Amino acid sequence: MIIVKVIFIHGNGGCTADMNWYISAEERLQEKGFNTIRETLLDNDIAHEHIWIPHIRDTLGADQNSVLIGHSSGAIAALRYAEQYPITGSVLVSPYHTHLNLKDEKAGGWFDRPWNWQKISENQRWIVQFSSVDDPWIPIEEAQYIHSKLNTEYFEFTDRGHFLQTDIDDFPELVTALLEKKQH
């Protein structure tokens, strides 16, 4: 399988590409031969769809040989991107499918139309999903619903919260999942 690049997509609320586990995961993936892109996206407070999708496509160069790793609202961006454009695969960390009745989530425009689950699935070869039952913001039912719609390779934890860990070895499962996909 050809994976030309792995693109990290952070969450909203002022998150940046230098937070959480992004740096350590990128370093480990680079050690294993992956080309990666990890940069803070414009409009990182609200994360408007009409800004992020063109940026992911035109500036970051996501294409059919790319893997998108999306965390939180970054996972929503990965899903909506795959709804429109072919990619190799995606890794969704703490994804959800509704605006959760949150003002900023509504403002981003991601939830203004129904999901096309079939197109999301058809436009990529695989989807890996990580969620945790103790996530303080994303009810586990949101994650389970996405899994049921997309038949993701699903990993459900009990102790990871919203996956905000920053230790060097805090997300080895993500690296392992990508290594397994690269070999097939």
N, C-alpha and C. Protein backbone atom coordinates (compact mmCIF):
# COMPACT_ATOMS: atom_id res chain seq x y z
N MET A 1 0.84 -1.18 0.00
CA MET A 1 0.00 0.00 0.00
C MET A 1 0.89 1.24 0.00
N ILE A 2 0.52 2.20 -0.79
CA ILE A 2 1.29 3.43 -0.86
C ILE A 2 0.73 4.45 0.12
N ILE A 3 1.56 4.83 1.06
CA ILE A 3 1.22 5.94 1.95
C ILE A 3 2.32 6.97 1.75
N VAL A 4 2.02 8.01 0.99
CA VAL A 4 3.02 9.02 0.69
C VAL A 4 3.21 9.97 1.87
N LYS A 5 2.10 10.34 2.51
CA LYS A 5 2.22 11.25 3.64
C LYS A 5 1.11 11.02 4.65
N VAL A 6 1.45 11.36 5.88
CA VAL A 6 0.52 11.31 7.00
C VAL A 6 0.32 12.74 7.47
N ILE A 7 -0.93 13.18 7.50
CA ILE A 7 -1.24 14.56 7.86
C ILE A 7 -1.99 14.58 9.18
N PHE A 8 -1.45 15.29 10.16
CA PHE A 8 -2.09 15.46 11.46
C PHE A 8 -3.06 16.63 11.39
N ILE A 9 -4.26 16.45 11.93
CA ILE A 9 -5.24 17.52 12.00
C ILE A 9 -5.68 17.64 13.46
N HIS A 10 -5.25 18.70 14.11
CA HIS A 10 -5.56 18.92 15.53
C HIS A 10 -7.01 19.35 15.71
N GLY A 11 -7.41 19.53 16.95
CA GLY A 11 -8.76 19.95 17.26
C GLY A 11 -8.92 21.46 17.27
N ASN A 12 -10.12 21.92 17.59
CA ASN A 12 -10.40 23.35 17.65
C ASN A 12 -10.23 23.87 19.08
N GLY A 13 -10.86 24.99 19.40
CA GLY A 13 -10.75 25.54 20.74
C GLY A 13 -9.38 26.10 21.04
N GLY A 14 -8.64 26.48 20.01
CA GLY A 14 -7.30 27.03 20.20
C GLY A 14 -6.20 25.98 20.22
N CYS A 15 -6.54 24.73 19.94
CA CYS A 15 -5.51 23.68 19.89
C CYS A 15 -4.51 23.97 18.79
N THR A 16 -3.29 23.49 18.98
CA THR A 16 -2.25 23.66 17.99
C THR A 16 -1.62 22.31 17.66
N ALA A 17 -0.80 22.29 16.66
CA ALA A 17 -0.12 21.06 16.24
C ALA A 17 1.01 20.67 17.18
N ASP A 18 1.31 21.52 18.15
CA ASP A 18 2.39 21.22 19.10
C ASP A 18 1.86 20.74 20.44
N MET A 19 0.60 20.40 20.50
CA MET A 19 -0.01 19.95 21.75
C MET A 19 -0.17 18.43 21.75
N ASN A 20 -0.55 17.95 22.92
CA ASN A 20 -0.97 16.57 23.12
C ASN A 20 0.10 15.58 22.66
N TRP A 21 -0.28 14.53 22.00
CA TRP A 21 0.60 13.45 21.57
C TRP A 21 1.10 13.64 20.14
N TYR A 22 0.78 14.74 19.51
CA TYR A 22 1.08 14.92 18.09
C TYR A 22 2.58 14.86 17.80
N ILE A 23 3.38 15.55 18.58
CA ILE A 23 4.83 15.59 18.32
C ILE A 23 5.44 14.21 18.48
N SER A 24 5.13 13.53 19.60
CA SER A 24 5.74 12.22 19.83
C SER A 24 5.27 11.20 18.79
N ALA A 25 4.01 11.25 18.40
CA ALA A 25 3.53 10.32 17.37
C ALA A 25 4.22 10.61 16.04
N GLU A 26 4.37 11.88 15.71
CA GLU A 26 5.06 12.23 14.47
C GLU A 26 6.50 11.72 14.49
N GLU A 27 7.20 11.93 15.59
CA GLU A 27 8.59 11.46 15.68
C GLU A 27 8.69 9.96 15.49
N ARG A 28 7.79 9.22 16.12
CA ARG A 28 7.82 7.75 16.01
C ARG A 28 7.47 7.31 14.58
N LEU A 29 6.53 7.98 13.96
CA LEU A 29 6.18 7.63 12.59
C LEU A 29 7.33 7.94 11.63
N GLN A 30 8.00 9.06 11.84
CA GLN A 30 9.15 9.41 11.00
C GLN A 30 10.27 8.38 11.17
N GLU A 31 10.48 7.92 12.40
CA GLU A 31 11.48 6.88 12.65
C GLU A 31 11.17 5.61 11.86
N LYS A 32 9.90 5.38 11.60
CA LYS A 32 9.46 4.18 10.87
C LYS A 32 9.33 4.43 9.36
N GLY A 33 9.78 5.60 8.91
CA GLY A 33 9.82 5.87 7.48
C GLY A 33 8.64 6.62 6.89
N PHE A 34 7.74 7.09 7.72
CA PHE A 34 6.59 7.86 7.21
C PHE A 34 6.98 9.31 6.97
N ASN A 35 6.47 9.89 5.90
CA ASN A 35 6.55 11.34 5.69
C ASN A 35 5.34 11.94 6.38
N THR A 36 5.57 12.97 7.16
CA THR A 36 4.47 13.54 7.95
C THR A 36 4.37 15.05 7.74
N ILE A 37 3.16 15.54 7.97
CA ILE A 37 2.89 16.97 7.99
C ILE A 37 2.12 17.25 9.27
N ARG A 38 2.65 18.14 10.08
CA ARG A 38 2.00 18.52 11.33
C ARG A 38 2.15 20.02 11.48
N GLU A 39 1.07 20.74 11.22
CA GLU A 39 1.12 22.18 11.37
C GLU A 39 -0.19 22.69 11.95
N THR A 40 -0.11 23.79 12.63
CA THR A 40 -1.31 24.40 13.19
C THR A 40 -2.12 25.03 12.06
N LEU A 41 -3.38 24.67 12.00
CA LEU A 41 -4.25 25.18 10.95
C LEU A 41 -4.77 26.57 11.31
N LEU A 42 -5.07 27.33 10.28
CA LEU A 42 -5.70 28.63 10.48
C LEU A 42 -7.04 28.43 11.16
N ASP A 43 -7.53 29.46 11.81
CA ASP A 43 -8.88 29.41 12.38
C ASP A 43 -9.00 28.26 13.38
N ASN A 44 -8.01 28.11 14.25
CA ASN A 44 -8.01 26.97 15.15
C ASN A 44 -8.91 27.14 16.37
N ASP A 45 -9.57 28.28 16.52
CA ASP A 45 -10.55 28.41 17.60
C ASP A 45 -11.87 27.77 17.21
N ILE A 46 -12.45 28.17 16.10
CA ILE A 46 -13.74 27.63 15.66
C ILE A 46 -13.55 26.47 14.68
N ALA A 47 -12.56 26.53 13.83
CA ALA A 47 -12.31 25.48 12.82
C ALA A 47 -13.46 25.41 11.82
N HIS A 48 -13.63 26.46 11.07
CA HIS A 48 -14.68 26.48 10.06
C HIS A 48 -14.37 25.52 8.91
N GLU A 49 -15.35 24.76 8.53
CA GLU A 49 -15.18 23.79 7.44
C GLU A 49 -14.73 24.47 6.16
N HIS A 50 -15.31 25.60 5.82
CA HIS A 50 -14.97 26.27 4.55
C HIS A 50 -13.53 26.80 4.54
N ILE A 51 -12.88 26.84 5.67
CA ILE A 51 -11.46 27.21 5.73
C ILE A 51 -10.58 25.96 5.79
N TRP A 52 -10.94 25.02 6.63
CA TRP A 52 -10.08 23.85 6.85
C TRP A 52 -10.02 22.90 5.65
N ILE A 53 -11.14 22.58 5.04
CA ILE A 53 -11.12 21.60 3.93
C ILE A 53 -10.24 22.08 2.77
N PRO A 54 -10.40 23.32 2.28
CA PRO A 54 -9.50 23.77 1.21
C PRO A 54 -8.03 23.81 1.64
N HIS A 55 -7.77 24.14 2.90
CA HIS A 55 -6.39 24.18 3.39
C HIS A 55 -5.78 22.77 3.41
N ILE A 56 -6.54 21.81 3.87
CA ILE A 56 -6.06 20.42 3.90
C ILE A 56 -5.78 19.95 2.48
N ARG A 57 -6.64 20.30 1.55
CA ARG A 57 -6.47 19.88 0.15
C ARG A 57 -5.36 20.65 -0.54
N ASP A 58 -5.40 21.99 -0.51
CA ASP A 58 -4.53 22.82 -1.34
C ASP A 58 -3.18 23.13 -0.71
N THR A 59 -3.15 23.35 0.58
CA THR A 59 -1.89 23.72 1.23
C THR A 59 -1.16 22.49 1.76
N LEU A 60 -1.88 21.60 2.44
CA LEU A 60 -1.24 20.39 2.98
C LEU A 60 -1.12 19.29 1.93
N GLY A 61 -1.88 19.40 0.85
CA GLY A 61 -1.74 18.47 -0.27
C GLY A 61 -2.31 17.09 -0.04
N ALA A 62 -3.35 16.99 0.76
CA ALA A 62 -3.98 15.68 0.96
C ALA A 62 -4.50 15.15 -0.37
N ASP A 63 -4.23 13.88 -0.62
CA ASP A 63 -4.68 13.23 -1.85
C ASP A 63 -4.89 11.75 -1.61
N GLN A 64 -5.04 10.99 -2.67
CA GLN A 64 -5.34 9.56 -2.58
C GLN A 64 -4.23 8.75 -1.94
N ASN A 65 -3.04 9.32 -1.78
CA ASN A 65 -1.92 8.63 -1.14
C ASN A 65 -1.65 9.16 0.26
N SER A 66 -2.64 9.83 0.85
CA SER A 66 -2.47 10.43 2.17
C SER A 66 -3.33 9.71 3.21
N VAL A 67 -2.82 9.76 4.43
CA VAL A 67 -3.57 9.32 5.60
C VAL A 67 -3.80 10.55 6.46
N LEU A 68 -5.04 10.75 6.89
CA LEU A 68 -5.37 11.86 7.76
C LEU A 68 -5.53 11.33 9.18
N ILE A 69 -4.79 11.92 10.11
CA ILE A 69 -4.95 11.61 11.53
C ILE A 69 -5.65 12.80 12.14
N GLY A 70 -6.91 12.62 12.51
CA GLY A 70 -7.70 13.71 13.06
C GLY A 70 -8.06 13.47 14.51
N HIS A 71 -7.84 14.49 15.34
CA HIS A 71 -8.17 14.41 16.76
C HIS A 71 -9.31 15.38 17.06
N SER A 72 -10.38 14.87 17.65
CA SER A 72 -11.52 15.67 18.05
C SER A 72 -12.14 16.35 16.83
N SER A 73 -12.17 17.67 16.77
CA SER A 73 -12.73 18.31 15.57
C SER A 73 -11.85 18.05 14.35
N GLY A 74 -10.59 17.69 14.57
CA GLY A 74 -9.74 17.26 13.46
C GLY A 74 -10.25 15.94 12.86
N ALA A 75 -10.85 15.09 13.70
CA ALA A 75 -11.45 13.85 13.20
C ALA A 75 -12.68 14.17 12.35
N ILE A 76 -13.42 15.21 12.75
CA ILE A 76 -14.57 15.63 11.95
C ILE A 76 -14.08 16.13 10.59
N ALA A 77 -12.98 16.89 10.60
CA ALA A 77 -12.41 17.37 9.34
C ALA A 77 -11.98 16.20 8.46
N ALA A 78 -11.37 15.18 9.06
CA ALA A 78 -10.95 14.01 8.28
C ALA A 78 -12.16 13.31 7.66
N LEU A 79 -13.22 13.19 8.43
CA LEU A 79 -14.44 12.56 7.90
C LEU A 79 -15.04 13.37 6.76
N ARG A 80 -15.18 14.67 6.96
CA ARG A 80 -15.77 15.51 5.91
C ARG A 80 -14.85 15.57 4.68
N TYR A 81 -13.54 15.54 4.89
CA TYR A 81 -12.62 15.53 3.75
C TYR A 81 -12.85 14.25 2.93
N ALA A 82 -12.89 13.12 3.62
CA ALA A 82 -13.09 11.84 2.93
C ALA A 82 -14.46 11.74 2.28
N GLU A 83 -15.38 12.52 2.73
CA GLU A 83 -16.70 12.55 2.12
C GLU A 83 -16.63 13.16 0.71
N GLN A 84 -15.62 14.00 0.47
CA GLN A 84 -15.47 14.70 -0.80
C GLN A 84 -14.33 14.20 -1.67
N TYR A 85 -13.25 13.71 -1.04
CA TYR A 85 -12.02 13.39 -1.78
C TYR A 85 -11.47 12.03 -1.36
N PRO A 86 -10.89 11.30 -2.31
CA PRO A 86 -10.28 10.02 -1.96
C PRO A 86 -8.96 10.20 -1.19
N ILE A 87 -8.77 9.36 -0.19
CA ILE A 87 -7.53 9.29 0.59
C ILE A 87 -7.21 7.81 0.79
N THR A 88 -6.02 7.52 1.28
CA THR A 88 -5.69 6.12 1.58
C THR A 88 -6.47 5.63 2.77
N GLY A 89 -6.46 6.41 3.85
CA GLY A 89 -7.16 6.00 5.07
C GLY A 89 -7.15 7.12 6.08
N SER A 90 -7.80 6.86 7.21
CA SER A 90 -7.82 7.86 8.26
C SER A 90 -7.75 7.21 9.63
N VAL A 91 -7.23 7.99 10.57
CA VAL A 91 -7.21 7.62 11.97
C VAL A 91 -8.01 8.68 12.70
N LEU A 92 -9.10 8.25 13.33
CA LEU A 92 -10.01 9.16 14.01
C LEU A 92 -9.82 8.99 15.51
N VAL A 93 -9.46 10.07 16.18
CA VAL A 93 -9.25 10.03 17.62
C VAL A 93 -10.30 10.94 18.28
N SER A 94 -11.11 10.36 19.14
CA SER A 94 -12.21 11.08 19.80
C SER A 94 -13.17 11.72 18.79
N PRO A 95 -13.65 10.96 17.80
CA PRO A 95 -14.59 11.53 16.84
C PRO A 95 -16.01 11.59 17.39
N TYR A 96 -16.82 12.39 16.74
CA TYR A 96 -18.24 12.52 17.07
C TYR A 96 -18.98 12.86 15.80
N HIS A 97 -20.29 12.79 15.82
CA HIS A 97 -21.03 13.01 14.58
C HIS A 97 -22.11 14.07 14.72
N THR A 98 -22.29 14.64 15.91
CA THR A 98 -23.24 15.73 16.11
C THR A 98 -22.51 16.94 16.67
N HIS A 99 -23.16 18.08 16.67
CA HIS A 99 -22.52 19.29 17.21
C HIS A 99 -22.53 19.31 18.73
N LEU A 100 -23.08 18.29 19.35
CA LEU A 100 -23.10 18.14 20.81
C LEU A 100 -23.76 19.33 21.51
N ASN A 101 -24.54 20.06 20.77
CA ASN A 101 -25.23 21.25 21.28
C ASN A 101 -24.25 22.32 21.81
N LEU A 102 -23.08 22.39 21.19
CA LEU A 102 -22.07 23.37 21.57
C LEU A 102 -22.01 24.48 20.52
N LYS A 103 -21.97 25.70 20.99
CA LYS A 103 -22.01 26.87 20.11
C LYS A 103 -20.89 26.85 19.08
N ASP A 104 -19.65 26.62 19.51
CA ASP A 104 -18.53 26.62 18.56
C ASP A 104 -18.62 25.49 17.55
N GLU A 105 -19.12 24.35 17.97
CA GLU A 105 -19.27 23.23 17.03
C GLU A 105 -20.32 23.58 15.98
N LYS A 106 -21.39 24.21 16.39
CA LYS A 106 -22.42 24.64 15.44
C LYS A 106 -21.85 25.68 14.48
N ALA A 107 -21.03 26.59 14.99
CA ALA A 107 -20.50 27.69 14.18
C ALA A 107 -19.54 27.22 13.10
N GLY A 108 -18.88 26.08 13.29
CA GLY A 108 -17.90 25.59 12.33
C GLY A 108 -18.48 25.14 11.00
N GLY A 109 -19.77 24.85 10.96
CA GLY A 109 -20.42 24.45 9.71
C GLY A 109 -20.33 22.96 9.39
N TRP A 110 -19.66 22.19 10.20
CA TRP A 110 -19.44 20.77 9.93
C TRP A 110 -20.73 19.95 9.99
N PHE A 111 -21.70 20.44 10.74
CA PHE A 111 -22.90 19.66 11.01
C PHE A 111 -24.14 20.25 10.36
N ASP A 112 -23.94 21.08 9.33
CA ASP A 112 -25.06 21.74 8.65
C ASP A 112 -25.78 20.85 7.64
N ARG A 113 -25.29 19.65 7.43
CA ARG A 113 -25.91 18.74 6.47
C ARG A 113 -25.72 17.31 6.98
N PRO A 114 -26.49 16.38 6.47
CA PRO A 114 -26.35 14.98 6.90
C PRO A 114 -25.01 14.41 6.46
N TRP A 115 -24.57 13.40 7.16
CA TRP A 115 -23.35 12.69 6.80
C TRP A 115 -23.63 11.73 5.65
N ASN A 116 -22.68 11.63 4.74
CA ASN A 116 -22.76 10.63 3.67
C ASN A 116 -21.78 9.52 4.04
N TRP A 117 -22.23 8.62 4.91
CA TRP A 117 -21.36 7.56 5.43
C TRP A 117 -20.85 6.66 4.30
N GLN A 118 -21.67 6.40 3.32
CA GLN A 118 -21.25 5.53 2.21
C GLN A 118 -20.07 6.16 1.46
N LYS A 119 -20.16 7.45 1.16
CA LYS A 119 -19.09 8.13 0.43
C LYS A 119 -17.81 8.18 1.27
N ILE A 120 -17.94 8.44 2.56
CA ILE A 120 -16.77 8.46 3.44
C ILE A 120 -16.05 7.11 3.38
N SER A 121 -16.82 6.06 3.43
CA SER A 121 -16.26 4.71 3.38
C SER A 121 -15.66 4.39 2.01
N GLU A 122 -16.36 4.75 0.95
CA GLU A 122 -15.88 4.45 -0.41
C GLU A 122 -14.61 5.21 -0.76
N ASN A 123 -14.41 6.38 -0.19
CA ASN A 123 -13.27 7.22 -0.55
C ASN A 123 -11.98 6.90 0.20
N GLN A 124 -11.97 5.79 0.95
CA GLN A 124 -10.74 5.38 1.63
C GLN A 124 -10.73 3.87 1.82
N ARG A 125 -9.53 3.33 1.96
CA ARG A 125 -9.40 1.88 2.07
C ARG A 125 -9.69 1.38 3.47
N TRP A 126 -9.41 2.22 4.47
CA TRP A 126 -9.57 1.79 5.87
C TRP A 126 -9.73 3.00 6.78
N ILE A 127 -10.30 2.73 7.95
CA ILE A 127 -10.47 3.76 8.98
C ILE A 127 -10.17 3.10 10.32
N VAL A 128 -9.27 3.69 11.06
CA VAL A 128 -8.96 3.26 12.43
C VAL A 128 -9.55 4.31 13.37
N GLN A 129 -10.16 3.85 14.44
CA GLN A 129 -10.84 4.76 15.36
C GLN A 129 -10.42 4.47 16.80
N PHE A 130 -10.10 5.54 17.54
CA PHE A 130 -9.76 5.45 18.96
C PHE A 130 -10.72 6.33 19.76
N SER A 131 -11.34 5.75 20.77
CA SER A 131 -12.26 6.49 21.64
C SER A 131 -12.10 5.97 23.06
N SER A 132 -12.60 6.75 24.01
CA SER A 132 -12.50 6.34 25.41
C SER A 132 -13.81 6.64 26.13
N VAL A 133 -14.25 5.69 26.94
CA VAL A 133 -15.52 5.85 27.65
C VAL A 133 -15.46 6.97 28.68
N ASP A 134 -14.27 7.36 29.12
CA ASP A 134 -14.16 8.44 30.11
C ASP A 134 -13.87 9.80 29.49
N ASP A 135 -14.11 9.93 28.18
CA ASP A 135 -13.93 11.22 27.52
C ASP A 135 -14.92 12.22 28.13
N PRO A 136 -14.43 13.33 28.68
CA PRO A 136 -15.34 14.27 29.34
C PRO A 136 -16.20 15.09 28.37
N TRP A 137 -15.86 15.10 27.08
CA TRP A 137 -16.58 15.92 26.11
C TRP A 137 -17.37 15.12 25.09
N ILE A 138 -16.89 13.93 24.76
CA ILE A 138 -17.53 13.14 23.70
C ILE A 138 -18.17 11.89 24.31
N PRO A 139 -19.48 11.83 24.37
CA PRO A 139 -20.13 10.61 24.87
C PRO A 139 -19.73 9.40 24.01
N ILE A 140 -19.48 8.29 24.64
CA ILE A 140 -19.01 7.10 23.92
C ILE A 140 -20.02 6.66 22.86
N GLU A 141 -21.29 6.98 23.04
CA GLU A 141 -22.30 6.63 22.04
C GLU A 141 -22.03 7.30 20.70
N GLU A 142 -21.44 8.49 20.73
CA GLU A 142 -21.08 9.18 19.49
C GLU A 142 -20.06 8.33 18.71
N ALA A 143 -19.05 7.88 19.40
CA ALA A 143 -18.00 7.07 18.77
C ALA A 143 -18.56 5.74 18.28
N GLN A 144 -19.37 5.11 19.10
CA GLN A 144 -19.94 3.82 18.72
C GLN A 144 -20.83 3.95 17.49
N TYR A 145 -21.52 5.06 17.38
CA TYR A 145 -22.37 5.30 16.21
C TYR A 145 -21.51 5.39 14.94
N ILE A 146 -20.42 6.14 15.01
CA ILE A 146 -19.52 6.25 13.85
C ILE A 146 -18.99 4.87 13.47
N HIS A 147 -18.58 4.11 14.47
CA HIS A 147 -18.09 2.76 14.22
C HIS A 147 -19.15 1.92 13.51
N SER A 148 -20.39 2.04 13.95
CA SER A 148 -21.46 1.24 13.34
C SER A 148 -21.73 1.67 11.90
N LYS A 149 -21.57 2.94 11.59
CA LYS A 149 -21.83 3.45 10.24
C LYS A 149 -20.68 3.14 9.27
N LEU A 150 -19.45 3.12 9.78
CA LEU A 150 -18.29 3.00 8.90
C LEU A 150 -17.51 1.69 9.05
N ASN A 151 -17.93 0.85 9.98
CA ASN A 151 -17.21 -0.39 10.23
C ASN A 151 -15.72 -0.15 10.43
N THR A 152 -15.40 0.81 11.27
CA THR A 152 -14.01 1.17 11.53
C THR A 152 -13.30 0.05 12.29
N GLU A 153 -11.98 0.07 12.23
CA GLU A 153 -11.18 -0.75 13.13
C GLU A 153 -11.21 0.01 14.45
N TYR A 154 -11.93 -0.50 15.42
CA TYR A 154 -12.36 0.27 16.59
C TYR A 154 -11.60 -0.13 17.85
N PHE A 155 -11.03 0.87 18.51
CA PHE A 155 -10.34 0.67 19.78
C PHE A 155 -11.02 1.55 20.83
N GLU A 156 -11.61 0.90 21.82
CA GLU A 156 -12.31 1.64 22.87
C GLU A 156 -11.56 1.45 24.19
N PHE A 157 -11.11 2.56 24.75
CA PHE A 157 -10.39 2.55 26.01
C PHE A 157 -11.30 2.98 27.15
N THR A 158 -10.85 2.76 28.36
CA THR A 158 -11.61 3.20 29.54
C THR A 158 -10.90 4.32 30.29
N ASP A 159 -9.66 4.63 29.90
CA ASP A 159 -8.85 5.52 30.73
C ASP A 159 -8.05 6.57 29.95
N ARG A 160 -8.47 6.93 28.77
CA ARG A 160 -7.71 7.90 27.97
C ARG A 160 -8.36 9.28 27.89
N GLY A 161 -9.56 9.43 28.45
CA GLY A 161 -10.23 10.72 28.39
C GLY A 161 -10.39 11.20 26.95
N HIS A 162 -9.98 12.44 26.71
CA HIS A 162 -10.08 13.03 25.37
C HIS A 162 -8.75 12.92 24.62
N PHE A 163 -7.89 12.01 25.04
CA PHE A 163 -6.60 11.77 24.40
C PHE A 163 -5.76 13.05 24.37
N LEU A 164 -5.58 13.64 25.55
CA LEU A 164 -4.79 14.86 25.66
C LEU A 164 -3.41 14.60 26.26
N GLN A 165 -3.02 13.35 26.36
CA GLN A 165 -1.73 13.00 26.94
C GLN A 165 -0.57 13.59 26.15
N THR A 166 0.53 13.85 26.84
CA THR A 166 1.69 14.45 26.18
C THR A 166 2.98 13.68 26.43
N ASP A 167 2.95 12.56 27.12
CA ASP A 167 4.16 11.79 27.35
C ASP A 167 4.69 11.22 26.04
N ILE A 168 5.99 10.96 26.01
CA ILE A 168 6.64 10.49 24.78
C ILE A 168 6.05 9.16 24.29
N ASP A 169 5.63 8.30 25.20
CA ASP A 169 5.07 7.00 24.81
C ASP A 169 3.57 6.92 25.04
N ASP A 170 2.89 8.04 24.91
CA ASP A 170 1.50 8.08 25.31
C ASP A 170 0.52 7.49 24.30
N PHE A 171 0.91 7.28 23.05
CA PHE A 171 -0.05 6.77 22.08
C PHE A 171 0.60 5.75 21.13
N PRO A 172 1.21 4.71 21.71
CA PRO A 172 1.86 3.71 20.85
C PRO A 172 0.87 2.94 19.97
N GLU A 173 -0.38 2.86 20.41
CA GLU A 173 -1.39 2.13 19.62
C GLU A 173 -1.63 2.77 18.26
N LEU A 174 -1.56 4.08 18.21
CA LEU A 174 -1.74 4.78 16.94
C LEU A 174 -0.60 4.45 15.98
N VAL A 175 0.62 4.50 16.48
CA VAL A 175 1.78 4.19 15.65
C VAL A 175 1.70 2.74 15.17
N THR A 176 1.37 1.83 16.07
CA THR A 176 1.25 0.41 15.71
C THR A 176 0.19 0.20 14.64
N ALA A 177 -0.94 0.85 14.78
CA ALA A 177 -2.02 0.72 13.79
C ALA A 177 -1.55 1.19 12.41
N LEU A 178 -0.83 2.29 12.35
CA LEU A 178 -0.35 2.77 11.04
C LEU A 178 0.73 1.84 10.47
N LEU A 179 1.59 1.33 11.31
CA LEU A 179 2.60 0.37 10.82
C LEU A 179 1.93 -0.86 10.22
N GLU A 180 0.89 -1.34 10.87
CA GLU A 180 0.17 -2.51 10.33
C GLU A 180 -0.48 -2.18 8.99
N LYS A 181 -1.03 -0.99 8.86
CA LYS A 181 -1.66 -0.60 7.59
C LYS A 181 -0.61 -0.44 6.49
N LYS A 182 0.56 0.06 6.84
CA LYS A 182 1.62 0.26 5.85
C LYS A 182 2.10 -1.06 5.27
N GLN A 183 2.07 -2.10 6.07
CA GLN A 183 2.58 -3.40 5.63
C GLN A 183 1.58 -4.19 4.80
N HIS A 184 0.36 -3.71 4.71
CA HIS A 184 -0.67 -4.44 3.94
C HIS A 184 -1.06 -3.70 2.68
